[in-house]
Amino acid sequence: MSTAPHASRRRPGIVAGFAIAVAFLTRVPIGPPAEAGWRLADAAWAFPLVGAGIGAIAAFVYLVAEILGLGPGPAALLAVLAGLGVTGALHEDGLADTADGFFGGGDRERRLAIMRDSRHGTYGILALVLSVGLRAAALAQTGEAFYAGLALIAAHSASRALLPAAMRALPPARDDGLGADAGRPGALSILAAAAIGAAIALAALGPLLGALAFAASAAAVLAAAIFAFRRIGGGTGDVLGAFQQIAEIVILLAAAAR
C-alpha cells in the first residue's frame, strides 16, 4: 500500500474504479489496473453497480429455474447459490467470522483473534444457516419470478451501497487487514453509492416499498455498526461482510412482505 499523503494520491477514473470494485466483490476474472496508491475506498461508489450485476445473475438463475418448473423454493435456493458462486461467498464468510468472534469471545482481543481463524464455529454456522434460509424463504414468498428477480437486484445493490458509509463511520479495529488497508471513502463517494443503491431499490421495488426497504436496511446496518463498535471498537473486512448480509436479508424480507 502506498504511504503517500491522501491529497497526493491520484484517484482511479470511472472505468478503473468499477474494475477495482468488480475484482474485489466478485470472482469475475478481471484484474484492476495496477496503479500504486489506489485503495478499495476509491472504488466504493461502484459497489451498488457491481451488486446490481450480481443480483441480475441471481435473478436470471431464478427465472430459468421457474421456467423449468422447479417451483419457487428450489428456484430461490438456486438463486442464492448463484450469488454465492459469483462472489465466492465473500460476505457469507465475513458473517460467519463475525458471529463467531462477537458471540464466542470474552474480550476484544479474543474476539478479534477468533475472527482471524478461518475455521467456523457454532455461531458462524448458525449465522450462515439463518442467512441462506431467510433469503431463500423470502424469495420463495415473493411469488412471481419477475418480481423475485427485481427483489434480488434491489437487495444485492442496496446492501452494498451502505458499505461505504460504514467504512467511513467505523474506525479500523486492527492496524492491519482489509479494514485498515481499504481506506475510508470520501463524502462524495458515500453519497454516490447511497444514491445509486437507493435509486435501484426504488426502481425495482416501487417508490414506497423501495424507500422503506432501503431505510430499514440502513437502520439495521446502523444498529449492527453500533454493536460492532461496542464489541471490538471498530470495523474489519469481516464486519463489512456481515453488514452486507444483514442489509440483503432485510431488503428481501421487505420485498416478501409487500
Protein backbone atom coordinates (compact mmCIF):
# COMPACT_ATOMS: atom_id res chain seq x y z
CA MET A 1 0.00 0.00 0.00
CA SER A 2 1.20 3.48 -0.80
CA THR A 3 2.06 5.70 2.11
CA ALA A 4 1.66 8.88 0.11
CA PRO A 5 -0.50 11.58 1.69
CA HIS A 6 -4.18 11.44 0.95
CA ALA A 7 -4.12 14.64 -1.08
CA SER A 8 -1.32 13.46 -3.39
CA ARG A 9 -2.91 10.21 -4.49
CA ARG A 10 -4.40 10.11 -7.97
CA ARG A 11 -7.92 8.71 -7.87
CA PRO A 12 -8.94 6.00 -10.35
CA GLY A 13 -11.26 7.00 -13.14
CA ILE A 14 -14.76 5.61 -13.58
CA VAL A 15 -13.70 2.53 -15.56
CA ALA A 16 -10.74 1.76 -13.29
CA GLY A 17 -12.85 2.30 -10.17
CA PHE A 18 -15.51 -0.06 -11.43
CA ALA A 19 -12.84 -2.66 -12.27
CA ILE A 20 -11.42 -2.42 -8.76
CA ALA A 21 -14.88 -2.99 -7.26
CA VAL A 22 -15.57 -5.95 -9.55
CA ALA A 23 -12.21 -7.52 -8.76
CA PHE A 24 -12.80 -7.31 -5.02
CA LEU A 25 -16.51 -8.08 -4.74
CA THR A 26 -16.72 -10.94 -7.23
CA ARG A 27 -14.83 -13.90 -8.65
CA VAL A 28 -15.05 -12.45 -12.15
CA PRO A 29 -11.53 -12.80 -13.61
CA ILE A 30 -10.82 -9.12 -14.11
CA GLY A 31 -7.63 -7.55 -12.89
CA PRO A 32 -7.89 -3.96 -11.63
CA PRO A 33 -5.38 -1.55 -13.16
CA ALA A 34 -2.15 -1.80 -11.17
CA GLU A 35 -1.84 1.84 -10.15
CA ALA A 36 0.19 2.40 -6.97
CA GLY A 37 -1.77 4.04 -4.18
CA TRP A 38 -5.26 3.06 -5.28
CA ARG A 39 -7.37 1.63 -2.49
CA LEU A 40 -10.71 -0.12 -2.28
CA ALA A 41 -12.23 3.01 -0.77
CA ASP A 42 -11.52 4.84 -4.03
CA ALA A 43 -13.94 2.47 -5.79
CA ALA A 44 -16.64 2.47 -3.09
CA TRP A 45 -19.06 4.45 -5.27
CA ALA A 46 -19.23 1.46 -7.65
CA PHE A 47 -20.27 -1.09 -5.01
CA PRO A 48 -24.03 -0.85 -5.77
CA LEU A 49 -23.43 -1.16 -9.52
CA VAL A 50 -21.45 -4.36 -9.01
CA GLY A 51 -24.17 -5.53 -6.62
CA ALA A 52 -26.82 -4.93 -9.27
CA GLY A 53 -24.86 -7.14 -11.65
CA ILE A 54 -24.62 -9.90 -9.06
CA GLY A 55 -28.35 -9.58 -8.43
CA ALA A 56 -29.08 -9.77 -12.16
CA ILE A 57 -27.18 -13.06 -12.43
CA ALA A 58 -29.08 -14.48 -9.45
CA ALA A 59 -32.35 -13.22 -10.95
CA PHE A 60 -31.59 -14.97 -14.24
CA VAL A 61 -30.98 -18.25 -12.41
CA TYR A 62 -34.27 -17.85 -10.53
CA LEU A 63 -36.16 -17.19 -13.79
CA VAL A 64 -34.61 -20.20 -15.55
CA ALA A 65 -35.43 -22.45 -12.60
CA GLU A 66 -39.04 -21.29 -12.66
CA ILE A 67 -39.29 -21.82 -16.41
CA LEU A 68 -38.02 -25.36 -15.90
CA GLY A 69 -40.87 -25.91 -13.44
CA LEU A 70 -38.78 -26.31 -10.30
CA GLY A 71 -41.06 -24.14 -8.19
CA PRO A 72 -40.30 -21.10 -6.02
CA GLY A 73 -38.47 -22.98 -3.24
CA PRO A 74 -35.78 -24.65 -5.34
CA ALA A 75 -35.59 -21.57 -7.58
CA ALA A 76 -34.91 -19.37 -4.55
CA LEU A 77 -32.18 -21.66 -3.24
CA LEU A 78 -30.54 -21.83 -6.67
CA ALA A 79 -30.63 -18.03 -6.94
CA VAL A 80 -28.92 -17.69 -3.57
CA LEU A 81 -26.38 -20.29 -4.68
CA ALA A 82 -25.72 -18.30 -7.85
CA GLY A 83 -24.91 -15.25 -5.77
CA LEU A 84 -22.56 -17.33 -3.65
CA GLY A 85 -20.82 -18.58 -6.76
CA VAL A 86 -20.30 -15.12 -8.25
CA THR A 87 -18.93 -13.62 -5.03
CA GLY A 88 -17.05 -16.67 -3.76
CA ALA A 89 -19.14 -16.42 -0.56
CA LEU A 90 -17.07 -13.37 0.39
CA HIS A 91 -19.72 -11.75 2.56
CA GLU A 92 -21.01 -15.02 3.97
CA ASP A 93 -17.52 -15.83 5.22
CA GLY A 94 -17.38 -12.42 6.88
CA LEU A 95 -20.75 -13.00 8.52
CA ALA A 96 -19.65 -16.36 9.92
CA ASP A 97 -16.34 -15.00 11.25
CA THR A 98 -18.11 -12.02 12.80
CA ALA A 99 -20.72 -14.16 14.51
CA ASP A 100 -18.05 -16.47 15.93
CA GLY A 101 -15.97 -13.57 17.21
CA PHE A 102 -18.72 -11.36 18.57
CA PHE A 103 -20.52 -14.13 20.45
CA GLY A 104 -17.69 -16.55 21.16
CA GLY A 105 -15.04 -14.26 22.61
CA GLY A 106 -14.93 -12.94 26.13
CA ASP A 107 -12.99 -9.72 25.43
CA ARG A 108 -11.99 -7.55 22.48
CA GLU A 109 -8.64 -9.20 21.78
CA ARG A 110 -10.13 -12.69 21.97
CA ARG A 111 -12.95 -11.71 19.61
CA LEU A 112 -10.50 -10.33 17.06
CA ALA A 113 -8.37 -13.46 17.34
CA ILE A 114 -11.38 -15.70 16.72
CA MET A 115 -12.35 -13.63 13.68
CA ARG A 116 -8.90 -14.24 12.16
CA ASP A 117 -9.37 -18.01 12.45
CA SER A 118 -10.54 -19.44 9.11
CA ARG A 119 -12.41 -22.22 10.87
CA HIS A 120 -16.08 -21.62 11.66
CA GLY A 121 -17.67 -22.45 14.99
CA THR A 122 -21.24 -22.94 16.12
CA TYR A 123 -22.21 -19.27 15.96
CA GLY A 124 -20.78 -18.89 12.49
CA ILE A 125 -22.54 -21.97 11.15
CA LEU A 126 -25.84 -20.87 12.68
CA ALA A 127 -25.43 -17.42 11.13
CA LEU A 128 -24.86 -18.95 7.69
CA VAL A 129 -27.87 -21.25 8.00
CA LEU A 130 -30.07 -18.34 9.05
CA SER A 131 -28.74 -16.10 6.28
CA VAL A 132 -29.26 -18.60 3.47
CA GLY A 133 -32.55 -19.80 4.92
CA LEU A 134 -34.07 -16.35 5.41
CA ARG A 135 -33.03 -15.16 1.96
CA ALA A 136 -34.35 -18.25 0.22
CA ALA A 137 -37.60 -18.21 2.20
CA ALA A 138 -38.15 -14.53 1.46
CA LEU A 139 -37.53 -15.06 -2.25
CA ALA A 140 -39.89 -18.02 -2.38
CA GLN A 141 -42.54 -15.87 -0.70
CA THR A 142 -42.33 -13.06 -3.23
CA GLY A 143 -44.44 -15.00 -5.71
CA GLU A 144 -43.89 -14.33 -9.40
CA ALA A 145 -40.44 -14.85 -10.84
CA PHE A 146 -40.17 -11.37 -12.38
CA TYR A 147 -40.76 -9.65 -9.05
CA ALA A 148 -38.36 -12.02 -7.30
CA GLY A 149 -35.72 -11.07 -9.83
CA LEU A 150 -36.26 -7.38 -9.20
CA ALA A 151 -36.04 -8.01 -5.45
CA LEU A 152 -32.70 -9.76 -5.95
CA ILE A 153 -31.29 -6.86 -7.93
CA ALA A 154 -32.51 -4.36 -5.31
CA ALA A 155 -31.16 -6.39 -2.39
CA HIS A 156 -27.72 -7.05 -3.86
CA SER A 157 -27.30 -3.44 -4.97
CA ALA A 158 -28.67 -1.56 -1.96
CA SER A 159 -26.92 -3.78 0.58
CA ARG A 160 -23.55 -2.91 -0.94
CA ALA A 161 -24.49 0.76 -1.29
CA LEU A 162 -24.47 1.03 2.50
CA LEU A 163 -20.93 -0.30 2.95
CA PRO A 164 -19.06 2.92 2.06
CA ALA A 165 -20.81 4.81 4.87
CA ALA A 166 -19.90 2.04 7.31
CA MET A 167 -16.28 2.10 6.10
CA ARG A 168 -16.19 5.83 6.82
CA ALA A 169 -18.01 5.77 10.16
CA LEU A 170 -16.22 2.87 11.85
CA PRO A 171 -12.51 3.15 12.64
CA PRO A 172 -10.41 0.08 11.81
CA ALA A 173 -10.45 -2.38 14.70
CA ARG A 174 -6.93 -3.52 13.74
CA ASP A 175 -3.83 -1.86 12.34
CA ASP A 176 -3.73 -4.40 9.51
CA GLY A 177 -6.21 -6.34 7.40
CA LEU A 178 -8.88 -5.17 4.99
CA GLY A 179 -10.50 -2.75 7.42
CA ALA A 180 -7.25 -0.80 7.68
CA ASP A 181 -5.92 -1.27 4.12
CA ALA A 182 -9.13 -0.41 2.29
CA GLY A 183 -9.09 3.21 3.41
CA ARG A 184 -12.06 5.42 4.17
CA PRO A 185 -14.28 6.67 1.34
CA GLY A 186 -14.85 10.37 0.85
CA ALA A 187 -18.20 12.07 1.29
CA LEU A 188 -18.92 12.24 -2.44
CA SER A 189 -18.23 8.53 -2.87
CA ILE A 190 -20.54 7.69 0.04
CA LEU A 191 -23.32 9.88 -1.32
CA ALA A 192 -22.91 8.49 -4.84
CA ALA A 193 -23.11 4.89 -3.62
CA ALA A 194 -26.16 5.62 -1.47
CA ALA A 195 -27.90 7.47 -4.31
CA ILE A 196 -27.23 4.68 -6.81
CA GLY A 197 -28.34 1.95 -4.41
CA ALA A 198 -31.48 3.83 -3.36
CA ALA A 199 -32.40 4.61 -6.97
CA ILE A 200 -32.09 0.95 -7.94
CA ALA A 201 -34.14 -0.14 -4.92
CA LEU A 202 -36.90 2.36 -5.72
CA ALA A 203 -36.94 1.42 -9.40
CA ALA A 204 -37.04 -2.32 -8.66
CA LEU A 205 -39.48 -2.41 -5.75
CA GLY A 206 -41.51 0.72 -6.37
CA PRO A 207 -41.11 4.16 -4.75
CA LEU A 208 -42.81 3.43 -1.42
CA LEU A 209 -41.60 -0.11 -0.77
CA GLY A 210 -38.17 0.65 -2.19
CA ALA A 211 -37.75 3.63 0.12
CA LEU A 212 -38.99 1.68 3.14
CA ALA A 213 -36.74 -1.29 2.36
CA PHE A 214 -33.68 0.93 1.88
CA ALA A 215 -34.40 2.84 5.09
CA ALA A 216 -34.95 -0.37 7.06
CA SER A 217 -31.71 -1.87 5.79
CA ALA A 218 -29.82 1.32 6.63
CA ALA A 219 -31.26 1.26 10.16
CA ALA A 220 -30.26 -2.40 10.54
CA VAL A 221 -26.69 -1.67 9.42
CA LEU A 222 -26.52 1.32 11.78
CA ALA A 223 -27.59 -0.88 14.69
CA ALA A 224 -25.05 -3.53 13.67
CA ALA A 225 -22.31 -0.86 13.41
CA ILE A 226 -23.04 0.36 16.94
CA PHE A 227 -22.90 -3.23 18.17
CA ALA A 228 -19.59 -3.80 16.35
CA PHE A 229 -18.07 -0.69 17.89
CA ARG A 230 -19.06 -1.88 21.34
CA ARG A 231 -17.70 -5.39 20.76
CA ILE A 232 -14.38 -4.69 19.03
CA GLY A 233 -14.06 -0.91 18.88
CA GLY A 234 -14.45 -0.56 15.12
CA GLY A 235 -14.76 -2.47 11.89
CA THR A 236 -12.95 -5.14 9.88
CA GLY A 237 -13.45 -6.70 6.47
CA ASP A 238 -15.44 -9.48 8.12
CA VAL A 239 -17.70 -6.96 9.81
CA LEU A 240 -18.40 -5.26 6.48
CA GLY A 241 -19.38 -8.65 5.06
CA ALA A 242 -21.79 -9.15 7.95
CA PHE A 243 -23.31 -5.72 7.29
CA GLN A 244 -23.95 -6.64 3.66
CA GLN A 245 -25.66 -9.87 4.65
CA ILE A 246 -27.87 -8.14 7.21
CA ALA A 247 -28.93 -5.48 4.72
CA GLU A 248 -29.64 -8.02 1.97
CA ILE A 249 -31.81 -10.09 4.31
CA VAL A 250 -33.79 -7.03 5.42
CA ILE A 251 -34.47 -5.90 1.85
CA LEU A 252 -35.60 -9.37 0.72
CA LEU A 253 -37.87 -9.70 3.76
CA ALA A 254 -39.38 -6.30 2.95
CA ALA A 255 -39.94 -7.39 -0.64
CA ALA A 256 -41.66 -10.58 0.55
CA ALA A 257 -43.93 -8.61 2.88
CA ARG A 258 -45.38 -6.32 0.21
